[in-house]
Amino acid sequence: ELTDTEITVTPDATRPPGYAMFLYPFVTVPPTVEMVYSIRVAQV
């Protein structure tokens, strides 16, 4: 949705999944200022 291409998303494991799962409840596509603020407050 952010690249305007038909490229197929392929799985990888470059990063461990812990932080991605933390971001999961907050994340939106596309990213918004409100999304980032919510993540920052959670981290505070």
Full PDB file with SEQRES, HELIX, SHEET, SSBOND, CRYST1, ORIGX, SCALE, CONECT and MASTER records, all heavy atoms in Angstrom:
SEQRES   1 A   44  GLU LEU THR ASP THR GLU ILE THR VAL THR PRO ASP ALA          
SEQRES   2 A   44  THR ARG PRO PRO GLY TYR ALA MET PHE LEU TYR PRO PHE          
SEQRES   3 A   44  VAL THR VAL PRO PRO THR VAL GLU MET VAL TYR SER ILE          
SEQRES   4 A   44  ARG VAL ALA GLN VAL                                          
HELIX    1 AA1 GLY A   18  LEU A   23  1                                   6    
HELIX    2 AA2 VAL A   33  GLN A   43  1                                  11    
CRYST1    1.000    1.000    1.000  90.00  90.00  90.00 P 1           1          
ORIGX1      1.000000  0.000000  0.000000        0.00000                         
ORIGX2      0.000000  1.000000  0.000000        0.00000                         
ORIGX3      0.000000  0.000000  1.000000        0.00000                         
SCALE1      1.000000  0.000000  0.000000        0.00000                         
SCALE2      0.000000  1.000000  0.000000        0.00000                         
SCALE3      0.000000  0.000000  1.000000        0.00000                         
ATOM      1  N   GLU A   1       0.816  -1.217   0.000  1.00  0.00           N  
ATOM      2  CA  GLU A   1       0.000   0.000   0.000  1.00  0.00           C  
ATOM      3  C   GLU A   1       0.852   1.271   0.000  1.00  0.00           C  
ATOM      4  O   GLU A   1       0.398   2.348  -0.407  1.00  0.00           O  
ATOM      5  CB  GLU A   1      -0.929   0.027   1.223  1.00  0.00           C  
ATOM      6  CG  GLU A   1      -1.951  -1.092   1.257  1.00  0.00           C  
ATOM      7  CD  GLU A   1      -1.428  -2.319   1.989  1.00  0.00           C  
ATOM      8  OE1 GLU A   1      -0.189  -2.507   2.032  1.00  0.00           O  
ATOM      9  OE2 GLU A   1      -2.260  -3.092   2.501  1.00  0.00           O  
ATOM     10  N   LEU A   2       2.115   1.146   0.471  1.00  0.00           N  
ATOM     11  CA  LEU A   2       2.987   2.316   0.557  1.00  0.00           C  
ATOM     12  C   LEU A   2       3.936   2.433  -0.630  1.00  0.00           C  
ATOM     13  O   LEU A   2       4.652   3.432  -0.749  1.00  0.00           O  
ATOM     14  CB  LEU A   2       3.812   2.257   1.848  1.00  0.00           C  
ATOM     15  CG  LEU A   2       3.018   2.221   3.161  1.00  0.00           C  
ATOM     16  CD1 LEU A   2       3.956   2.199   4.345  1.00  0.00           C  
ATOM     17  CD2 LEU A   2       2.087   3.423   3.246  1.00  0.00           C  
ATOM     18  N   THR A   3       3.956   1.433  -1.489  1.00  0.00           N  
ATOM     19  CA  THR A   3       4.912   1.443  -2.601  1.00  0.00           C  
ATOM     20  C   THR A   3       4.253   1.576  -3.966  1.00  0.00           C  
ATOM     21  O   THR A   3       4.934   1.821  -4.955  1.00  0.00           O  
ATOM     22  CB  THR A   3       5.745   0.147  -2.581  1.00  0.00           C  
ATOM     23  OG1 THR A   3       4.867  -0.981  -2.704  1.00  0.00           O  
ATOM     24  CG2 THR A   3       6.540   0.034  -1.289  1.00  0.00           C  
ATOM     25  N   ASP A   4       2.943   1.406  -4.009  1.00  0.00           N  
ATOM     26  CA  ASP A   4       2.211   1.479  -5.290  1.00  0.00           C  
ATOM     27  C   ASP A   4       2.788   0.512  -6.321  1.00  0.00           C  
ATOM     28  O   ASP A   4       2.929   0.840  -7.501  1.00  0.00           O  
ATOM     29  CB  ASP A   4       2.243   2.910  -5.853  1.00  0.00           C  
ATOM     30  CG  ASP A   4       1.473   3.884  -4.976  1.00  0.00           C  
ATOM     31  OD1 ASP A   4       0.451   3.473  -4.403  1.00  0.00           O  
ATOM     32  OD2 ASP A   4       1.909   5.042  -4.873  1.00  0.00           O  
ATOM     33  N   THR A   5       3.151  -0.676  -5.856  1.00  0.00           N  
ATOM     34  CA  THR A   5       3.684  -1.702  -6.757  1.00  0.00           C  
ATOM     35  C   THR A   5       2.925  -3.002  -6.518  1.00  0.00           C  
ATOM     36  O   THR A   5       2.186  -3.146  -5.545  1.00  0.00           O  
ATOM     37  CB  THR A   5       5.183  -1.935  -6.509  1.00  0.00           C  
ATOM     38  OG1 THR A   5       5.365  -2.472  -5.183  1.00  0.00           O  
ATOM     39  CG2 THR A   5       5.972  -0.648  -6.639  1.00  0.00           C  
ATOM     40  N   GLU A   6       3.161  -3.938  -7.399  1.00  0.00           N  
ATOM     41  CA  GLU A   6       2.531  -5.255  -7.291  1.00  0.00           C  
ATOM     42  C   GLU A   6       3.500  -6.290  -6.743  1.00  0.00           C  
ATOM     43  O   GLU A   6       3.279  -7.490  -6.875  1.00  0.00           O  
ATOM     44  CB  GLU A   6       2.031  -5.698  -8.674  1.00  0.00           C  
ATOM     45  CG  GLU A   6       0.978  -4.780  -9.273  1.00  0.00           C  
ATOM     46  CD  GLU A   6      -0.280  -4.732  -8.424  1.00  0.00           C  
ATOM     47  OE1 GLU A   6      -0.626  -5.755  -7.805  1.00  0.00           O  
ATOM     48  OE2 GLU A   6      -0.920  -3.657  -8.387  1.00  0.00           O  
ATOM     49  N   ILE A   7       4.586  -5.837  -6.129  1.00  0.00           N  
ATOM     50  CA  ILE A   7       5.588  -6.761  -5.591  1.00  0.00           C  
ATOM     51  C   ILE A   7       4.972  -7.585  -4.462  1.00  0.00           C  
ATOM     52  O   ILE A   7       4.304  -7.050  -3.576  1.00  0.00           O  
ATOM     53  CB  ILE A   7       6.814  -5.995  -5.083  1.00  0.00           C  
ATOM     54  CG1 ILE A   7       7.498  -5.265  -6.245  1.00  0.00           C  
ATOM     55  CG2 ILE A   7       7.798  -6.944  -4.396  1.00  0.00           C  
ATOM     56  CD1 ILE A   7       8.675  -4.414  -5.828  1.00  0.00           C  
ATOM     57  N   THR A   8       5.211  -8.893  -4.504  1.00  0.00           N  
ATOM     58  CA  THR A   8       4.699  -9.789  -3.470  1.00  0.00           C  
ATOM     59  C   THR A   8       5.576  -9.691  -2.220  1.00  0.00           C  
ATOM     60  O   THR A   8       6.805  -9.773  -2.297  1.00  0.00           O  
ATOM     61  CB  THR A   8       4.676 -11.239  -3.963  1.00  0.00           C  
ATOM     62  OG1 THR A   8       3.869 -11.318  -5.136  1.00  0.00           O  
ATOM     63  CG2 THR A   8       4.125 -12.158  -2.887  1.00  0.00           C  
ATOM     64  N   VAL A   9       4.923  -9.495  -1.093  1.00  0.00           N  
ATOM     65  CA  VAL A   9       5.651  -9.433   0.181  1.00  0.00           C  
ATOM     66  C   VAL A   9       6.120 -10.834   0.543  1.00  0.00           C  
ATOM     67  O   VAL A   9       5.324 -11.774   0.604  1.00  0.00           O  
ATOM     68  CB  VAL A   9       4.757  -8.859   1.292  1.00  0.00           C  
ATOM     69  CG1 VAL A   9       5.475  -8.904   2.631  1.00  0.00           C  
ATOM     70  CG2 VAL A   9       4.338  -7.436   0.955  1.00  0.00           C  
ATOM     71  N   THR A  10       7.415 -10.975   0.786  1.00  0.00           N  
ATOM     72  CA  THR A  10       7.990 -12.276   1.137  1.00  0.00           C  
ATOM     73  C   THR A  10       8.469 -12.262   2.577  1.00  0.00           C  
ATOM     74  O   THR A  10       9.029 -11.255   3.045  1.00  0.00           O  
ATOM     75  CB  THR A  10       9.164 -12.624   0.214  1.00  0.00           C  
ATOM     76  OG1 THR A  10      10.153 -11.585   0.282  1.00  0.00           O  
ATOM     77  CG2 THR A  10       8.690 -12.770  -1.219  1.00  0.00           C  
ATOM     78  N   PRO A  11       8.261 -13.343   3.304  1.00  0.00           N  
ATOM     79  CA  PRO A  11       8.667 -13.379   4.718  1.00  0.00           C  
ATOM     80  C   PRO A  11      10.175 -13.422   4.883  1.00  0.00           C  
ATOM     81  O   PRO A  11      10.898 -13.925   4.022  1.00  0.00           O  
ATOM     82  CB  PRO A  11       8.009 -14.666   5.237  1.00  0.00           C  
ATOM     83  CG  PRO A  11       7.843 -15.521   4.024  1.00  0.00           C  
ATOM     84  CD  PRO A  11       7.591 -14.583   2.878  1.00  0.00           C  
ATOM     85  N   ASP A  12      10.650 -12.881   6.001  1.00  0.00           N  
ATOM     86  CA  ASP A  12      12.061 -12.972   6.366  1.00  0.00           C  
ATOM     87  C   ASP A  12      12.154 -12.888   7.884  1.00  0.00           C  
ATOM     88  O   ASP A  12      11.154 -12.684   8.569  1.00  0.00           O  
ATOM     89  CB  ASP A  12      12.890 -11.862   5.702  1.00  0.00           C  
ATOM     90  CG  ASP A  12      12.466 -10.474   6.158  1.00  0.00           C  
ATOM     91  OD1 ASP A  12      12.710 -10.124   7.329  1.00  0.00           O  
ATOM     92  OD2 ASP A  12      11.863  -9.743   5.342  1.00  0.00           O  
ATOM     93  N   ALA A  13      13.341 -13.051   8.394  1.00  0.00           N  
ATOM     94  CA  ALA A  13      13.536 -13.013   9.847  1.00  0.00           C  
ATOM     95  C   ALA A  13      14.809 -12.252  10.179  1.00  0.00           C  
ATOM     96  O   ALA A  13      15.616 -12.679  10.998  1.00  0.00           O  
ATOM     97  CB  ALA A  13      13.595 -14.423  10.415  1.00  0.00           C  
ATOM     98  N   THR A  14      14.972 -11.095   9.545  1.00  0.00           N  
ATOM     99  CA  THR A  14      16.147 -10.273   9.801  1.00  0.00           C  
ATOM    100  C   THR A  14      16.157  -9.744  11.220  1.00  0.00           C  
ATOM    101  O   THR A  14      17.211  -9.652  11.857  1.00  0.00           O  
ATOM    102  CB  THR A  14      16.196  -9.097   8.809  1.00  0.00           C  
ATOM    103  OG1 THR A  14      16.139  -9.590   7.479  1.00  0.00           O  
ATOM    104  CG2 THR A  14      17.474  -8.293   8.994  1.00  0.00           C  
ATOM    105  N   ARG A  15      14.992  -9.388  11.730  1.00  0.00           N  
ATOM    106  CA  ARG A  15      14.857  -8.853  13.082  1.00  0.00           C  
ATOM    107  C   ARG A  15      14.052  -9.812  13.958  1.00  0.00           C  
ATOM    108  O   ARG A  15      13.130 -10.472  13.468  1.00  0.00           O  
ATOM    109  CB  ARG A  15      14.127  -7.510  13.046  1.00  0.00           C  
ATOM    110  CG  ARG A  15      14.738  -6.469  12.128  1.00  0.00           C  
ATOM    111  CD  ARG A  15      15.897  -5.770  12.772  1.00  0.00           C  
ATOM    112  NE  ARG A  15      16.432  -4.719  11.907  1.00  0.00           N  
ATOM    113  CZ  ARG A  15      17.452  -3.956  12.224  1.00  0.00           C  
ATOM    114  NH1 ARG A  15      18.049  -4.124  13.402  1.00  0.00           N  
ATOM    115  NH2 ARG A  15      17.901  -3.035  11.394  1.00  0.00           N  
ATOM    116  N   PRO A  16      14.368  -9.878  15.252  1.00  0.00           N  
ATOM    117  CA  PRO A  16      13.528 -10.680  16.147  1.00  0.00           C  
ATOM    118  C   PRO A  16      12.148 -10.057  16.265  1.00  0.00           C  
ATOM    119  O   PRO A  16      11.981  -8.844  16.070  1.00  0.00           O  
ATOM    120  CB  PRO A  16      14.297 -10.634  17.484  1.00  0.00           C  
ATOM    121  CG  PRO A  16      15.137  -9.403  17.398  1.00  0.00           C  
ATOM    122  CD  PRO A  16      15.498  -9.241  15.957  1.00  0.00           C  
ATOM    123  N   PRO A  17      11.122 -10.849  16.595  1.00  0.00           N  
ATOM    124  CA  PRO A  17       9.738 -10.369  16.479  1.00  0.00           C  
ATOM    125  C   PRO A  17       9.192  -9.604  17.673  1.00  0.00           C  
ATOM    126  O   PRO A  17       8.070  -9.098  17.611  1.00  0.00           O  
ATOM    127  CB  PRO A  17       8.956 -11.680  16.303  1.00  0.00           C  
ATOM    128  CG  PRO A  17       9.761 -12.679  17.063  1.00  0.00           C  
ATOM    129  CD  PRO A  17      11.199 -12.289  16.867  1.00  0.00           C  
ATOM    130  N   GLY A  18       9.947  -9.511  18.769  1.00  0.00           N  
ATOM    131  CA  GLY A  18       9.390  -8.924  19.979  1.00  0.00           C  
ATOM    132  C   GLY A  18       8.883  -7.505  19.813  1.00  0.00           C  
ATOM    133  O   GLY A  18       7.749  -7.179  20.191  1.00  0.00           O  
ATOM    134  N   TYR A  19       9.711  -6.641  19.248  1.00  0.00           N  
ATOM    135  CA  TYR A  19       9.305  -5.233  19.128  1.00  0.00           C  
ATOM    136  C   TYR A  19       8.201  -5.055  18.089  1.00  0.00           C  
ATOM    137  O   TYR A  19       7.308  -4.216  18.265  1.00  0.00           O  
ATOM    138  CB  TYR A  19      10.511  -4.362  18.779  1.00  0.00           C  
ATOM    139  CG  TYR A  19      10.208  -2.883  18.852  1.00  0.00           C  
ATOM    140  CD1 TYR A  19       9.869  -2.285  20.062  1.00  0.00           C  
ATOM    141  CD2 TYR A  19      10.247  -2.084  17.722  1.00  0.00           C  
ATOM    142  CE1 TYR A  19       9.571  -0.936  20.141  1.00  0.00           C  
ATOM    143  CE2 TYR A  19       9.961  -0.725  17.784  1.00  0.00           C  
ATOM    144  CZ  TYR A  19       9.623  -0.151  18.994  1.00  0.00           C  
ATOM    145  OH  TYR A  19       9.326   1.186  19.066  1.00  0.00           O  
ATOM    146  N   ALA A  20       8.250  -5.840  17.024  1.00  0.00           N  
ATOM    147  CA  ALA A  20       7.185  -5.755  16.021  1.00  0.00           C  
ATOM    148  C   ALA A  20       5.832  -6.105  16.640  1.00  0.00           C  
ATOM    149  O   ALA A  20       4.809  -5.475  16.325  1.00  0.00           O  
ATOM    150  CB  ALA A  20       7.494  -6.682  14.844  1.00  0.00           C  
ATOM    151  N   MET A  21       5.805  -7.094  17.530  1.00  0.00           N  
ATOM    152  CA  MET A  21       4.552  -7.459  18.184  1.00  0.00           C  
ATOM    153  C   MET A  21       4.090  -6.373  19.155  1.00  0.00           C  
ATOM    154  O   MET A  21       2.888  -6.181  19.365  1.00  0.00           O  
ATOM    155  CB  MET A  21       4.702  -8.801  18.909  1.00  0.00           C  
ATOM    156  CG  MET A  21       5.004  -9.976  17.984  1.00  0.00           C  
ATOM    157  SD  MET A  21       3.869 -10.088  16.564  1.00  0.00           S  
ATOM    158  CE  MET A  21       2.299 -10.348  17.400  1.00  0.00           C  
ATOM    159  N   PHE A  22       5.050  -5.667  19.735  1.00  0.00           N  
ATOM    160  CA  PHE A  22       4.694  -4.523  20.587  1.00  0.00           C  
ATOM    161  C   PHE A  22       4.036  -3.422  19.757  1.00  0.00           C  
ATOM    162  O   PHE A  22       3.067  -2.779  20.186  1.00  0.00           O  
ATOM    163  CB  PHE A  22       5.952  -3.987  21.284  1.00  0.00           C  
ATOM    164  CG  PHE A  22       5.766  -2.653  21.956  1.00  0.00           C  
ATOM    165  CD1 PHE A  22       5.078  -2.553  23.150  1.00  0.00           C  
ATOM    166  CD2 PHE A  22       6.279  -1.497  21.379  1.00  0.00           C  
ATOM    167  CE1 PHE A  22       4.896  -1.315  23.773  1.00  0.00           C  
ATOM    168  CE2 PHE A  22       6.107  -0.259  21.985  1.00  0.00           C  
ATOM    169  CZ  PHE A  22       5.416  -0.167  23.187  1.00  0.00           C  
ATOM    170  N   LEU A  23       4.559  -3.193  18.536  1.00  0.00           N  
ATOM    171  CA  LEU A  23       4.006  -2.157  17.663  1.00  0.00           C  
ATOM    172  C   LEU A  23       2.650  -2.545  17.083  1.00  0.00           C  
ATOM    173  O   LEU A  23       1.860  -1.666  16.695  1.00  0.00           O  
ATOM    174  CB  LEU A  23       4.974  -1.869  16.511  1.00  0.00           C  
ATOM    175  CG  LEU A  23       6.325  -1.259  16.855  1.00  0.00           C  
ATOM    176  CD1 LEU A  23       7.144  -1.079  15.585  1.00  0.00           C  
ATOM    177  CD2 LEU A  23       6.174   0.070  17.583  1.00  0.00           C  
ATOM    178  N   TYR A  24       2.380  -3.838  17.012  1.00  0.00           N  
ATOM    179  CA  TYR A  24       1.203  -4.349  16.305  1.00  0.00           C  
ATOM    180  C   TYR A  24      -0.109  -3.651  16.690  1.00  0.00           C  
ATOM    181  O   TYR A  24      -0.883  -3.260  15.808  1.00  0.00           O  
ATOM    182  CB  TYR A  24       1.089  -5.854  16.535  1.00  0.00           C  
ATOM    183  CG  TYR A  24      -0.115  -6.495  15.894  1.00  0.00           C  
ATOM    184  CD1 TYR A  24      -0.075  -6.938  14.575  1.00  0.00           C  
ATOM    185  CD2 TYR A  24      -1.296  -6.675  16.611  1.00  0.00           C  
ATOM    186  CE1 TYR A  24      -1.178  -7.535  13.977  1.00  0.00           C  
ATOM    187  CE2 TYR A  24      -2.406  -7.262  16.024  1.00  0.00           C  
ATOM    188  CZ  TYR A  24      -2.340  -7.695  14.710  1.00  0.00           C  
ATOM    189  OH  TYR A  24      -3.436  -8.269  14.133  1.00  0.00           O  
ATOM    190  N   PRO A  25      -0.423  -3.443  17.971  1.00  0.00           N  
ATOM    191  CA  PRO A  25      -1.722  -2.816  18.298  1.00  0.00           C  
ATOM    192  C   PRO A  25      -1.827  -1.372  17.841  1.00  0.00           C  
ATOM    193  O   PRO A  25      -2.940  -0.858  17.671  1.00  0.00           O  
ATOM    194  CB  PRO A  25      -1.771  -2.907  19.836  1.00  0.00           C  
ATOM    195  CG  PRO A  25      -0.761  -3.926  20.212  1.00  0.00           C  
ATOM    196  CD  PRO A  25       0.317  -3.846  19.181  1.00  0.00           C  
ATOM    197  N   PHE A  26      -0.689  -0.706  17.636  1.00  0.00           N  
ATOM    198  CA  PHE A  26      -0.703   0.719  17.316  1.00  0.00           C  
ATOM    199  C   PHE A  26      -0.603   1.008  15.821  1.00  0.00           C  
ATOM    200  O   PHE A  26      -1.012   2.076  15.368  1.00  0.00           O  
ATOM    201  CB  PHE A  26       0.478   1.423  18.009  1.00  0.00           C  
ATOM    202  CG  PHE A  26       0.550   1.204  19.483  1.00  0.00           C  
ATOM    203  CD1 PHE A  26       1.412   0.254  20.026  1.00  0.00           C  
ATOM    204  CD2 PHE A  26      -0.248   1.941  20.353  1.00  0.00           C  
ATOM    205  CE1 PHE A  26       1.483   0.054  21.391  1.00  0.00           C  
ATOM    206  CE2 PHE A  26      -0.181   1.744  21.717  1.00  0.00           C  
ATOM    207  CZ  PHE A  26       0.680   0.790  22.241  1.00  0.00           C  
ATOM    208  N   VAL A  27      -0.042   0.080  15.049  1.00  0.00           N  
ATOM    209  CA  VAL A  27       0.384   0.389  13.698  1.00  0.00           C  
ATOM    210  C   VAL A  27      -0.796   0.613  12.764  1.00  0.00           C  
ATOM    211  O   VAL A  27      -1.838  -0.037  12.867  1.00  0.00           O  
ATOM    212  CB  VAL A  27       1.304  -0.739  13.164  1.00  0.00           C  
ATOM    213  CG1 VAL A  27       0.498  -1.946  12.707  1.00  0.00           C  
ATOM    214  CG2 VAL A  27       2.188  -0.244  12.040  1.00  0.00           C  
ATOM    215  N   THR A  28      -0.612   1.582  11.858  1.00  0.00           N  
ATOM    216  CA  THR A  28      -1.595   1.866  10.811  1.00  0.00           C  
ATOM    217  C   THR A  28      -0.869   1.962   9.473  1.00  0.00           C  
ATOM    218  O   THR A  28       0.327   2.247   9.424  1.00  0.00           O  
ATOM    219  CB  THR A  28      -2.336   3.192  11.068  1.00  0.00           C  
ATOM    220  OG1 THR A  28      -1.383   4.267  11.096  1.00  0.00           O  
ATOM    221  CG2 THR A  28      -3.103   3.149  12.374  1.00  0.00           C  
ATOM    222  N   VAL A  29      -1.604   1.712   8.402  1.00  0.00           N  
ATOM    223  CA  VAL A  29      -1.055   1.833   7.050  1.00  0.00           C  
ATOM    224  C   VAL A  29      -1.937   2.808   6.267  1.00  0.00           C  
ATOM    225  O   VAL A  29      -3.103   2.527   6.041  1.00  0.00           O  
ATOM    226  CB  VAL A  29      -1.011   0.465   6.335  1.00  0.00           C  
ATOM    227  CG1 VAL A  29      -0.393   0.611   4.946  1.00  0.00           C  
ATOM    228  CG2 VAL A  29      -0.233  -0.555   7.151  1.00  0.00           C  
ATOM    229  N   PRO A  30      -1.396   3.978   5.906  1.00  0.00           N  
ATOM    230  CA  PRO A  30      -0.030   4.455   6.123  1.00  0.00           C  
ATOM    231  C   PRO A  30       0.179   4.917   7.564  1.00  0.00           C  
ATOM    232  O   PRO A  30      -0.796   5.095   8.306  1.00  0.00           O  
ATOM    233  CB  PRO A  30       0.080   5.629   5.145  1.00  0.00           C  
ATOM    234  CG  PRO A  30      -1.316   6.166   5.088  1.00  0.00           C  
ATOM    235  CD  PRO A  30      -2.202   4.953   5.143  1.00  0.00           C  
ATOM    236  N   PRO A  31       1.438   5.135   7.955  1.00  0.00           N  
ATOM    237  CA  PRO A  31       1.696   5.629   9.311  1.00  0.00           C  
ATOM    238  C   PRO A  31       1.183   7.048   9.488  1.00  0.00           C  
ATOM    239  O   PRO A  31       1.158   7.833   8.535  1.00  0.00           O  
ATOM    240  CB  PRO A  31       3.227   5.578   9.408  1.00  0.00           C  
ATOM    241  CG  PRO A  31       3.705   5.651   7.996  1.00  0.00           C  
ATOM    242  CD  PRO A  31       2.677   4.927   7.188  1.00  0.00           C  
ATOM    243  N   THR A  32       0.752   7.355  10.692  1.00  0.00           N  
ATOM    244  CA  THR A  32       0.223   8.685  10.985  1.00  0.00           C  
ATOM    245  C   THR A  32       0.939   9.268  12.198  1.00  0.00           C  
ATOM    246  O   THR A  32       1.590   8.549  12.972  1.00  0.00           O  
ATOM    247  CB  THR A  32      -1.286   8.622  11.285  1.00  0.00           C  
ATOM    248  OG1 THR A  32      -1.492   7.834  12.471  1.00  0.00           O  
ATOM    249  CG2 THR A  32      -2.056   8.014  10.125  1.00  0.00           C  
ATOM    250  N   VAL A  33       0.789  10.569  12.351  1.00  0.00           N  
ATOM    251  CA  VAL A  33       1.354  11.244  13.518  1.00  0.00           C  
ATOM    252  C   VAL A  33       0.721  10.693  14.796  1.00  0.00           C  
ATOM    253  O   VAL A  33       1.398  10.494  15.817  1.00  0.00           O  
ATOM    254  CB  VAL A  33       1.141  12.771  13.417  1.00  0.00           C  
ATOM    255  CG1 VAL A  33       1.529  13.461  14.721  1.00  0.00           C  
ATOM    256  CG2 VAL A  33       1.948  13.340  12.254  1.00  0.00           C  
ATOM    257  N   GLU A  34      -0.581  10.436  14.746  1.00  0.00           N  
ATOM    258  CA  GLU A  34      -1.275   9.896  15.924  1.00  0.00           C  
ATOM    259  C   GLU A  34      -0.733   8.519  16.298  1.00  0.00           C  
ATOM    260  O   GLU A  34      -0.594   8.199  17.485  1.00  0.00           O  
ATOM    261  CB  GLU A  34      -2.775   9.803  15.655  1.00  0.00           C  
ATOM    262  CG  GLU A  34      -3.490  11.141  15.540  1.00  0.00           C  
ATOM    263  CD  GLU A  34      -3.220  11.835  14.206  1.00  0.00           C  
ATOM    264  OE1 GLU A  34      -2.741  11.154  13.262  1.00  0.00           O  
ATOM    265  OE2 GLU A  34      -3.500  13.044  14.100  1.00  0.00           O  
ATOM    266  N   MET A  35      -0.436   7.693  15.302  1.00  0.00           N  
ATOM    267  CA  MET A  35       0.130   6.369  15.562  1.00  0.00           C  
ATOM    268  C   MET A  35       1.465   6.483  16.281  1.00  0.00           C  
ATOM    269  O   MET A  35       1.704   5.815  17.298  1.00  0.00           O  
ATOM    270  CB  MET A  35       0.316   5.623  14.241  1.00  0.00           C  
ATOM    271  CG  MET A  35       0.923   4.234  14.384  1.00  0.00           C  
ATOM    272  SD  MET A  35       1.712   3.625  12.857  1.00  0.00           S  
ATOM    273  CE  MET A  35       3.295   4.479  12.953  1.00  0.00           C  
ATOM    274  N   VAL A  36       2.331   7.346  15.766  1.00  0.00           N  
ATOM    275  CA  VAL A  36       3.654   7.516  16.363  1.00  0.00           C  
ATOM    276  C   VAL A  36       3.539   8.062  17.786  1.00  0.00           C  
ATOM    277  O   VAL A  36       4.243   7.614  18.695  1.00  0.00           O  
ATOM    278  CB  VAL A  36       4.519   8.442  15.489  1.00  0.00           C  
ATOM    279  CG1 VAL A  36       5.845   8.744  16.184  1.00  0.00           C  
ATOM    280  CG2 VAL A  36       4.779   7.801  14.133  1.00  0.00           C  
ATOM    281  N   TYR A  37       2.631   8.998  18.001  1.00  0.00           N  
ATOM    282  CA  TYR A  37       2.461   9.568  19.337  1.00  0.00           C  
ATOM    283  C   TYR A  37       1.995   8.499  20.329  1.00  0.00           C  
ATOM    284  O   TYR A  37       2.484   8.448  21.473  1.00  0.00           O  
ATOM    285  CB  TYR A  37       1.454  10.711  19.295  1.00  0.00           C  
ATOM    286  CG  TYR A  37       1.302  11.423  20.620  1.00  0.00           C  
ATOM    287  CD1 TYR A  37       2.250  12.335  21.054  1.00  0.00           C  
ATOM    288  CD2 TYR A  37       0.212  11.161  21.437  1.00  0.00           C  
ATOM    289  CE1 TYR A  37       2.117  12.976  22.278  1.00  0.00           C  
ATOM    290  CE2 TYR A  37       0.064  11.798  22.663  1.00  0.00           C  
ATOM    291  CZ  TYR A  37       1.020  12.711  23.076  1.00  0.00           C  
ATOM    292  OH  TYR A  37       0.886  13.337  24.294  1.00  0.00           O  
ATOM    293  N   SER A  38       1.075   7.647  19.903  1.00  0.00           N  
ATOM    294  CA  SER A  38       0.588   6.579  20.782  1.00  0.00           C  
ATOM    295  C   SER A  38       1.717   5.629  21.161  1.00  0.00           C  
ATOM    296  O   SER A  38       1.823   5.202  22.318  1.00  0.00           O  
ATOM    297  CB  SER A  38      -0.537   5.806  20.099  1.00  0.00           C  
ATOM    298  OG  SER A  38      -1.645   6.635  19.842  1.00  0.00           O  
ATOM    299  N   ILE A  39       2.561   5.298  20.197  1.00  0.00           N  
ATOM    300  CA  ILE A  39       3.696   4.413  20.478  1.00  0.00           C  
ATOM    301  C   ILE A  39       4.650   5.070  21.460  1.00  0.00           C  
ATOM    302  O   ILE A  39       5.133   4.436  22.408  1.00  0.00           O  
ATOM    303  CB  ILE A  39       4.430   4.051  19.176  1.00  0.00           C  
ATOM    304  CG1 ILE A  39       3.533   3.197  18.279  1.00  0.00           C  
ATOM    305  CG2 ILE A  39       5.738   3.312  19.467  1.00  0.00           C  
ATOM    306  CD1 ILE A  39       4.068   2.991  16.879  1.00  0.00           C  
ATOM    307  N   ARG A  40       4.919   6.346  21.246  1.00  0.00           N  
ATOM    308  CA  ARG A  40       5.833   7.064  22.140  1.00  0.00           C  
ATOM    309  C   ARG A  40       5.288   7.125  23.564  1.00  0.00           C  
ATOM    310  O   ARG A  40       6.030   6.940  24.535  1.00  0.00           O  
ATOM    311  CB  ARG A  40       6.079   8.471  21.603  1.00  0.00           C  
ATOM    312  CG  ARG A  40       6.991   8.509  20.387  1.00  0.00           C  
ATOM    313  CD  ARG A  40       7.004   9.875  19.742  1.00  0.00           C  
ATOM    314  NE  ARG A  40       8.047   9.983  18.731  1.00  0.00           N  
ATOM    315  CZ  ARG A  40       8.109  10.950  17.835  1.00  0.00           C  
ATOM    316  NH1 ARG A  40       7.181  11.905  17.820  1.00  0.00           N  
ATOM    317  NH2 ARG A  40       9.090  10.991  16.959  1.00  0.00           N  
ATOM    318  N   VAL A  41       4.005   7.389  23.714  1.00  0.00           N  
ATOM    319  CA  VAL A  41       3.409   7.442  25.054  1.00  0.00           C  
ATOM    320  C   VAL A  41       3.494   6.067  25.722  1.00  0.00           C  
ATOM    321  O   VAL A  41       3.804   5.966  26.917  1.00  0.00           O  
ATOM    322  CB  VAL A  41       1.951   7.927  24.984  1.00  0.00           C  
ATOM    323  CG1 VAL A  41       1.258   7.756  26.333  1.00  0.00           C  
ATOM    324  CG2 VAL A  41       1.902   9.390  24.547  1.00  0.00           C  
ATOM    325  N   ALA A  42       3.232   5.009  24.971  1.00  0.00           N  
ATOM    326  CA  ALA A  42       3.354   3.651  25.520  1.00  0.00           C  
ATOM    327  C   ALA A  42       4.784   3.393  25.977  1.00  0.00           C  
ATOM    328  O   ALA A  42       5.009   2.776  27.033  1.00  0.00           O  
ATOM    329  CB  ALA A  42       2.925   2.621  24.473  1.00  0.00           C  
ATOM    330  N   GLN A  43       5.748   3.871  25.204  1.00  0.00           N  
ATOM    331  CA  GLN A  43       7.147   3.673  25.582  1.00  0.00           C  
ATOM    332  C   GLN A  43       7.518   4.520  26.796  1.00  0.00           C  
ATOM    333  O   GLN A  43       8.335   4.094  27.622  1.00  0.00           O  
ATOM    334  CB  GLN A  43       8.053   3.988  24.390  1.00  0.00           C  
ATOM    335  CG  GLN A  43       7.880   2.988  23.263  1.00  0.00           C  
ATOM    336  CD  GLN A  43       8.848   3.153  22.109  1.00  0.00           C  
ATOM    337  OE1 GLN A  43       9.104   2.214  21.358  1.00  0.00           O  
ATOM    338  NE2 GLN A  43       9.395   4.351  21.916  1.00  0.00           N  
ATOM    339  N   VAL A  44       6.928   5.693  26.931  1.00  0.00           N  
ATOM    340  CA  VAL A  44       7.138   6.505  28.129  1.00  0.00           C  
ATOM    341  C   VAL A  44       6.646   5.757  29.366  1.00  0.00           C  
ATOM    342  O   VAL A  44       7.309   5.751  30.419  1.00  0.00           O  
ATOM    343  CB  VAL A  44       6.428   7.866  27.990  1.00  0.00           C  
ATOM    344  CG1 VAL A  44       6.298   8.553  29.352  1.00  0.00           C  
ATOM    345  CG2 VAL A  44       7.189   8.762  27.025  1.00  0.00           C  
TER     346      VAL A  44                                                      
MASTER        0    0    0    2    0    0    0    6  345    1    0    4          
END                                                                             
